[in-house]
Amino acid sequence: MQAINPEGLFKASFYSQGVKAGKTIYVSGQVGALNGQVSGGGSDFKAEARQALENVRRVVEGGGGKMANIVSLTCYLVEMELGATLYPLIAETFPGAKPAVTAVVVKSLGSPKYKLEIQAVAVAE
């Protein structure tokens, strides 16, 4: 098992941002923040969503994979309406084969400043 903790992402004492086990890369839930700052200042959901997807990319690449290797995304949203902004960004991020995607509406995330968290699974070649 290999822990993956790219620079700029939250450093936790109790989990890794990603774990590679064999060829499978498990990405912990990624929010739209880098170096502790929420992208878009918390008022621009599109910027927050782009950064969350970028953070997923950083973890997957840290494990030797590519975005095209992602087989599954689980997206936790604090409001269902945010999907109207998120889903086109996912389509743009994955121009070829699309991963399986599950969207879950939750009451809140780990901090009230976040509106989205994305968990992923990738299979490196």
N, C-alpha and C. Protein backbone atom coordinates (compact mmCIF):
# COMPACT_ATOMS: atom_id res chain seq x y z
N MET A 1 0.85 -1.18 0.00
CA MET A 1 0.00 0.00 0.00
C MET A 1 0.89 1.24 0.00
N GLN A 2 0.53 2.22 -0.83
CA GLN A 2 1.29 3.46 -0.94
C GLN A 2 0.38 4.64 -0.61
N ALA A 3 0.79 5.47 0.35
CA ALA A 3 0.04 6.68 0.68
C ALA A 3 0.38 7.76 -0.35
N ILE A 4 -0.63 8.55 -0.72
CA ILE A 4 -0.45 9.64 -1.69
C ILE A 4 -0.92 10.93 -1.02
N ASN A 5 -0.01 11.88 -0.85
CA ASN A 5 -0.33 13.15 -0.20
C ASN A 5 0.35 14.30 -0.94
N PRO A 6 -0.24 14.77 -2.06
CA PRO A 6 0.37 15.85 -2.84
C PRO A 6 0.49 17.15 -2.05
N GLU A 7 1.52 17.92 -2.39
CA GLU A 7 1.71 19.24 -1.79
C GLU A 7 0.49 20.13 -2.04
N GLY A 8 0.18 20.96 -1.06
CA GLY A 8 -0.92 21.91 -1.19
C GLY A 8 -2.26 21.39 -0.71
N LEU A 9 -2.38 20.06 -0.58
CA LEU A 9 -3.62 19.48 -0.08
C LEU A 9 -3.53 19.34 1.44
N PHE A 10 -4.67 19.32 2.08
CA PHE A 10 -4.76 19.24 3.53
C PHE A 10 -3.94 18.07 4.07
N LYS A 11 -3.12 18.35 5.07
CA LYS A 11 -2.32 17.30 5.71
C LYS A 11 -3.05 16.85 6.97
N ALA A 12 -3.59 15.66 6.93
CA ALA A 12 -4.34 15.12 8.07
C ALA A 12 -3.48 14.12 8.83
N SER A 13 -3.69 14.04 10.11
CA SER A 13 -2.94 13.09 10.93
C SER A 13 -3.58 11.71 10.91
N PHE A 14 -4.81 11.60 10.41
CA PHE A 14 -5.53 10.34 10.51
C PHE A 14 -5.96 9.73 9.17
N TYR A 15 -5.60 10.34 8.04
CA TYR A 15 -5.90 9.74 6.74
C TYR A 15 -4.95 10.28 5.68
N SER A 16 -4.88 9.58 4.56
CA SER A 16 -4.12 10.01 3.39
C SER A 16 -5.08 10.58 2.36
N GLN A 17 -4.60 11.50 1.52
CA GLN A 17 -5.43 12.04 0.45
C GLN A 17 -5.75 10.97 -0.59
N GLY A 18 -4.87 10.00 -0.68
CA GLY A 18 -5.10 8.87 -1.58
C GLY A 18 -4.28 7.69 -1.13
N VAL A 19 -4.67 6.52 -1.59
CA VAL A 19 -3.94 5.29 -1.30
C VAL A 19 -3.93 4.46 -2.58
N LYS A 20 -2.74 3.95 -2.92
CA LYS A 20 -2.63 3.04 -4.05
C LYS A 20 -2.41 1.64 -3.50
N ALA A 21 -3.29 0.73 -3.88
CA ALA A 21 -3.19 -0.68 -3.48
C ALA A 21 -3.20 -1.49 -4.77
N GLY A 22 -2.08 -2.09 -5.10
CA GLY A 22 -1.97 -2.75 -6.39
C GLY A 22 -2.05 -1.69 -7.48
N LYS A 23 -2.97 -1.86 -8.42
CA LYS A 23 -3.15 -0.87 -9.49
C LYS A 23 -4.32 0.08 -9.21
N THR A 24 -4.98 -0.11 -8.08
CA THR A 24 -6.15 0.71 -7.75
C THR A 24 -5.74 1.90 -6.89
N ILE A 25 -6.23 3.08 -7.28
CA ILE A 25 -5.97 4.31 -6.54
C ILE A 25 -7.29 4.78 -5.94
N TYR A 26 -7.33 4.88 -4.62
CA TYR A 26 -8.50 5.34 -3.90
C TYR A 26 -8.24 6.78 -3.47
N VAL A 27 -9.10 7.70 -3.90
CA VAL A 27 -8.93 9.12 -3.61
C VAL A 27 -9.92 9.52 -2.52
N SER A 28 -9.38 10.03 -1.41
CA SER A 28 -10.24 10.56 -0.34
C SER A 28 -11.03 11.73 -0.88
N GLY A 29 -12.13 12.06 -0.22
CA GLY A 29 -12.96 13.18 -0.65
C GLY A 29 -12.15 14.45 -0.80
N GLN A 30 -12.22 15.05 -1.99
CA GLN A 30 -11.49 16.28 -2.28
C GLN A 30 -12.45 17.46 -2.35
N VAL A 31 -12.07 18.53 -1.68
CA VAL A 31 -12.86 19.76 -1.69
C VAL A 31 -12.17 20.77 -2.61
N GLY A 32 -12.82 21.87 -2.85
CA GLY A 32 -12.29 22.89 -3.74
C GLY A 32 -11.39 23.87 -3.05
N ALA A 33 -10.33 23.38 -2.42
CA ALA A 33 -9.38 24.24 -1.72
C ALA A 33 -7.97 23.80 -2.05
N LEU A 34 -7.06 24.76 -2.03
CA LEU A 34 -5.64 24.50 -2.21
C LEU A 34 -4.90 25.37 -1.21
N ASN A 35 -3.95 24.77 -0.52
CA ASN A 35 -3.20 25.48 0.52
C ASN A 35 -4.13 26.14 1.53
N GLY A 36 -5.23 25.49 1.84
CA GLY A 36 -6.15 25.97 2.86
C GLY A 36 -7.12 27.05 2.41
N GLN A 37 -7.04 27.47 1.16
CA GLN A 37 -7.91 28.52 0.64
C GLN A 37 -8.97 27.94 -0.29
N VAL A 38 -10.24 28.26 -0.02
CA VAL A 38 -11.33 27.80 -0.88
C VAL A 38 -11.28 28.56 -2.19
N SER A 39 -11.28 27.85 -3.30
CA SER A 39 -11.28 28.50 -4.61
C SER A 39 -12.59 29.25 -4.80
N GLY A 40 -12.48 30.45 -5.34
CA GLY A 40 -13.66 31.28 -5.54
C GLY A 40 -14.12 31.96 -4.26
N GLY A 41 -13.33 31.86 -3.20
CA GLY A 41 -13.66 32.52 -1.94
C GLY A 41 -14.94 32.03 -1.29
N GLY A 42 -15.41 30.86 -1.70
CA GLY A 42 -16.62 30.30 -1.13
C GLY A 42 -17.89 30.80 -1.79
N SER A 43 -17.78 31.78 -2.70
CA SER A 43 -18.98 32.31 -3.35
C SER A 43 -19.07 31.92 -4.83
N ASP A 44 -18.03 31.29 -5.37
CA ASP A 44 -18.01 30.89 -6.77
C ASP A 44 -17.96 29.36 -6.83
N PHE A 45 -19.13 28.73 -6.92
CA PHE A 45 -19.18 27.27 -6.88
C PHE A 45 -18.43 26.64 -8.06
N LYS A 46 -18.48 27.26 -9.22
CA LYS A 46 -17.80 26.70 -10.38
C LYS A 46 -16.29 26.62 -10.12
N ALA A 47 -15.71 27.66 -9.53
CA ALA A 47 -14.28 27.66 -9.19
C ALA A 47 -13.99 26.59 -8.14
N GLU A 48 -14.88 26.46 -7.17
CA GLU A 48 -14.71 25.43 -6.13
C GLU A 48 -14.74 24.03 -6.75
N ALA A 49 -15.68 23.79 -7.66
CA ALA A 49 -15.80 22.48 -8.30
C ALA A 49 -14.59 22.18 -9.18
N ARG A 50 -14.12 23.18 -9.93
CA ARG A 50 -12.93 22.99 -10.76
C ARG A 50 -11.73 22.60 -9.89
N GLN A 51 -11.57 23.28 -8.74
CA GLN A 51 -10.44 22.98 -7.87
C GLN A 51 -10.57 21.59 -7.26
N ALA A 52 -11.78 21.18 -6.90
CA ALA A 52 -11.98 19.83 -6.36
C ALA A 52 -11.57 18.79 -7.40
N LEU A 53 -11.97 18.98 -8.65
CA LEU A 53 -11.58 18.06 -9.72
C LEU A 53 -10.07 18.09 -9.96
N GLU A 54 -9.47 19.28 -9.87
CA GLU A 54 -8.02 19.40 -10.00
C GLU A 54 -7.32 18.66 -8.87
N ASN A 55 -7.86 18.74 -7.66
CA ASN A 55 -7.26 18.02 -6.53
C ASN A 55 -7.37 16.51 -6.72
N VAL A 56 -8.48 16.05 -7.28
CA VAL A 56 -8.62 14.63 -7.61
C VAL A 56 -7.51 14.25 -8.59
N ARG A 57 -7.31 15.07 -9.62
CA ARG A 57 -6.26 14.81 -10.61
C ARG A 57 -4.89 14.71 -9.95
N ARG A 58 -4.59 15.64 -9.05
CA ARG A 58 -3.28 15.64 -8.37
C ARG A 58 -3.05 14.34 -7.60
N VAL A 59 -4.08 13.85 -6.93
CA VAL A 59 -3.94 12.61 -6.17
C VAL A 59 -3.76 11.42 -7.12
N VAL A 60 -4.60 11.35 -8.15
CA VAL A 60 -4.51 10.23 -9.10
C VAL A 60 -3.14 10.21 -9.77
N GLU A 61 -2.67 11.37 -10.22
CA GLU A 61 -1.35 11.42 -10.86
C GLU A 61 -0.24 11.11 -9.86
N GLY A 62 -0.45 11.47 -8.59
CA GLY A 62 0.52 11.13 -7.55
C GLY A 62 0.66 9.64 -7.35
N GLY A 63 -0.36 8.90 -7.74
CA GLY A 63 -0.33 7.44 -7.66
C GLY A 63 0.06 6.79 -8.98
N GLY A 64 0.47 7.60 -9.95
CA GLY A 64 0.90 7.06 -11.23
C GLY A 64 -0.22 6.87 -12.24
N GLY A 65 -1.39 7.43 -11.96
CA GLY A 65 -2.52 7.30 -12.88
C GLY A 65 -2.77 8.57 -13.66
N LYS A 66 -3.84 8.53 -14.46
CA LYS A 66 -4.29 9.68 -15.24
C LYS A 66 -5.79 9.83 -15.01
N MET A 67 -6.32 10.99 -15.34
CA MET A 67 -7.75 11.21 -15.19
C MET A 67 -8.54 10.17 -15.98
N ALA A 68 -8.03 9.74 -17.12
CA ALA A 68 -8.72 8.74 -17.94
C ALA A 68 -8.80 7.38 -17.25
N ASN A 69 -8.01 7.19 -16.18
CA ASN A 69 -8.04 5.94 -15.42
C ASN A 69 -9.13 5.92 -14.35
N ILE A 70 -9.81 7.05 -14.14
CA ILE A 70 -10.85 7.11 -13.10
C ILE A 70 -12.06 6.30 -13.56
N VAL A 71 -12.49 5.39 -12.71
CA VAL A 71 -13.64 4.54 -13.04
C VAL A 71 -14.89 4.95 -12.28
N SER A 72 -14.72 5.71 -11.19
CA SER A 72 -15.87 6.06 -10.37
C SER A 72 -15.64 7.37 -9.62
N LEU A 73 -16.69 8.20 -9.58
CA LEU A 73 -16.70 9.42 -8.78
C LEU A 73 -17.93 9.39 -7.88
N THR A 74 -17.76 9.77 -6.64
CA THR A 74 -18.90 10.00 -5.75
C THR A 74 -18.84 11.47 -5.35
N CYS A 75 -19.89 12.21 -5.67
CA CYS A 75 -19.93 13.65 -5.44
C CYS A 75 -20.94 13.95 -4.33
N TYR A 76 -20.46 14.58 -3.29
CA TYR A 76 -21.32 14.98 -2.17
C TYR A 76 -21.59 16.47 -2.30
N LEU A 77 -22.86 16.83 -2.46
CA LEU A 77 -23.28 18.22 -2.67
C LEU A 77 -24.18 18.66 -1.52
N VAL A 78 -24.06 19.92 -1.11
CA VAL A 78 -24.94 20.40 -0.05
C VAL A 78 -26.29 20.87 -0.60
N GLU A 79 -26.40 21.02 -1.92
CA GLU A 79 -27.67 21.38 -2.56
C GLU A 79 -27.75 20.67 -3.91
N MET A 80 -28.87 20.05 -4.21
CA MET A 80 -29.05 19.34 -5.47
C MET A 80 -28.85 20.27 -6.68
N GLU A 81 -29.26 21.53 -6.55
CA GLU A 81 -29.17 22.48 -7.66
C GLU A 81 -27.74 22.70 -8.13
N LEU A 82 -26.76 22.44 -7.28
CA LEU A 82 -25.36 22.64 -7.65
C LEU A 82 -24.93 21.67 -8.75
N GLY A 83 -25.66 20.58 -8.90
CA GLY A 83 -25.36 19.62 -9.95
C GLY A 83 -25.42 20.24 -11.34
N ALA A 84 -26.27 21.24 -11.52
CA ALA A 84 -26.39 21.89 -12.83
C ALA A 84 -25.08 22.56 -13.24
N THR A 85 -24.27 22.94 -12.28
CA THR A 85 -22.95 23.51 -12.56
C THR A 85 -21.89 22.42 -12.60
N LEU A 86 -21.99 21.45 -11.71
CA LEU A 86 -20.97 20.40 -11.60
C LEU A 86 -20.96 19.44 -12.79
N TYR A 87 -22.11 18.96 -13.22
CA TYR A 87 -22.15 17.91 -14.24
C TYR A 87 -21.50 18.32 -15.56
N PRO A 88 -21.70 19.55 -16.06
CA PRO A 88 -20.98 19.95 -17.28
C PRO A 88 -19.45 19.98 -17.08
N LEU A 89 -19.01 20.32 -15.87
CA LEU A 89 -17.56 20.31 -15.59
C LEU A 89 -17.01 18.89 -15.61
N ILE A 90 -17.80 17.95 -15.11
CA ILE A 90 -17.37 16.54 -15.16
C ILE A 90 -17.29 16.09 -16.62
N ALA A 91 -18.29 16.44 -17.42
CA ALA A 91 -18.29 16.07 -18.84
C ALA A 91 -17.08 16.67 -19.56
N GLU A 92 -16.73 17.91 -19.22
CA GLU A 92 -15.58 18.59 -19.81
C GLU A 92 -14.26 17.93 -19.38
N THR A 93 -14.21 17.50 -18.13
CA THR A 93 -13.00 16.87 -17.57
C THR A 93 -12.75 15.50 -18.17
N PHE A 94 -13.82 14.80 -18.54
CA PHE A 94 -13.72 13.45 -19.10
C PHE A 94 -14.31 13.44 -20.51
N PRO A 95 -13.55 13.95 -21.51
CA PRO A 95 -14.10 14.04 -22.86
C PRO A 95 -14.32 12.69 -23.54
N GLY A 96 -13.61 11.67 -23.10
CA GLY A 96 -13.77 10.33 -23.68
C GLY A 96 -14.74 9.53 -22.85
N ALA A 97 -14.30 8.34 -22.45
CA ALA A 97 -15.14 7.47 -21.61
C ALA A 97 -15.41 8.16 -20.27
N LYS A 98 -16.64 8.15 -19.87
CA LYS A 98 -17.04 8.79 -18.61
C LYS A 98 -16.98 7.77 -17.47
N PRO A 99 -16.58 8.22 -16.28
CA PRO A 99 -16.61 7.31 -15.12
C PRO A 99 -18.04 7.12 -14.64
N ALA A 100 -18.24 6.10 -13.84
CA ALA A 100 -19.52 5.96 -13.13
C ALA A 100 -19.58 7.12 -12.14
N VAL A 101 -20.73 7.77 -12.02
CA VAL A 101 -20.87 8.93 -11.13
C VAL A 101 -22.09 8.75 -10.25
N THR A 102 -21.90 8.99 -8.96
CA THR A 102 -23.00 9.01 -8.01
C THR A 102 -23.00 10.37 -7.34
N ALA A 103 -24.16 11.00 -7.26
CA ALA A 103 -24.30 12.28 -6.56
C ALA A 103 -25.16 12.06 -5.33
N VAL A 104 -24.70 12.58 -4.22
CA VAL A 104 -25.40 12.44 -2.95
C VAL A 104 -25.57 13.83 -2.35
N VAL A 105 -26.79 14.18 -1.98
CA VAL A 105 -27.03 15.45 -1.31
C VAL A 105 -26.92 15.22 0.19
N VAL A 106 -26.10 16.04 0.84
CA VAL A 106 -25.86 15.92 2.27
C VAL A 106 -26.21 17.23 2.96
N LYS A 107 -26.47 17.14 4.25
CA LYS A 107 -26.81 18.34 5.02
C LYS A 107 -25.62 19.28 5.13
N SER A 108 -24.44 18.72 5.35
CA SER A 108 -23.23 19.53 5.44
C SER A 108 -22.01 18.66 5.20
N LEU A 109 -20.88 19.31 4.97
CA LEU A 109 -19.60 18.62 4.80
C LEU A 109 -18.74 18.91 6.03
N GLY A 110 -17.44 18.59 5.96
CA GLY A 110 -16.56 18.77 7.11
C GLY A 110 -16.40 20.20 7.58
N SER A 111 -16.68 21.15 6.71
CA SER A 111 -16.63 22.57 7.05
C SER A 111 -17.76 23.27 6.30
N PRO A 112 -18.40 24.25 6.91
CA PRO A 112 -19.49 24.95 6.23
C PRO A 112 -19.03 25.78 5.03
N LYS A 113 -17.73 25.98 4.87
CA LYS A 113 -17.25 26.76 3.73
C LYS A 113 -17.24 25.96 2.43
N TYR A 114 -17.41 24.63 2.52
CA TYR A 114 -17.40 23.78 1.33
C TYR A 114 -18.81 23.38 0.93
N LYS A 115 -19.04 23.36 -0.40
CA LYS A 115 -20.34 22.95 -0.93
C LYS A 115 -20.26 21.62 -1.68
N LEU A 116 -19.03 21.11 -1.85
CA LEU A 116 -18.80 19.92 -2.66
C LEU A 116 -17.60 19.14 -2.14
N GLU A 117 -17.71 17.83 -2.20
CA GLU A 117 -16.58 16.94 -1.92
C GLU A 117 -16.67 15.80 -2.93
N ILE A 118 -15.53 15.48 -3.56
CA ILE A 118 -15.51 14.44 -4.59
C ILE A 118 -14.54 13.33 -4.20
N GLN A 119 -15.06 12.13 -4.15
CA GLN A 119 -14.27 10.92 -3.87
C GLN A 119 -14.12 10.18 -5.19
N ALA A 120 -12.98 9.52 -5.41
CA ALA A 120 -12.76 8.84 -6.69
C ALA A 120 -12.04 7.51 -6.52
N VAL A 121 -12.20 6.66 -7.52
CA VAL A 121 -11.45 5.41 -7.63
C VAL A 121 -10.90 5.35 -9.05
N ALA A 122 -9.61 5.06 -9.17
CA ALA A 122 -8.96 4.93 -10.47
C ALA A 122 -8.20 3.62 -10.53
N VAL A 123 -8.01 3.11 -11.73
CA VAL A 123 -7.22 1.90 -11.93
C VAL A 123 -6.08 2.27 -12.87
N ALA A 124 -4.86 2.33 -12.32
CA ALA A 124 -3.69 2.71 -13.11
C ALA A 124 -3.32 1.57 -14.06
N GLU A 125 -2.74 1.93 -15.18
CA GLU A 125 -2.34 0.93 -16.17
C GLU A 125 -0.98 0.36 -15.86
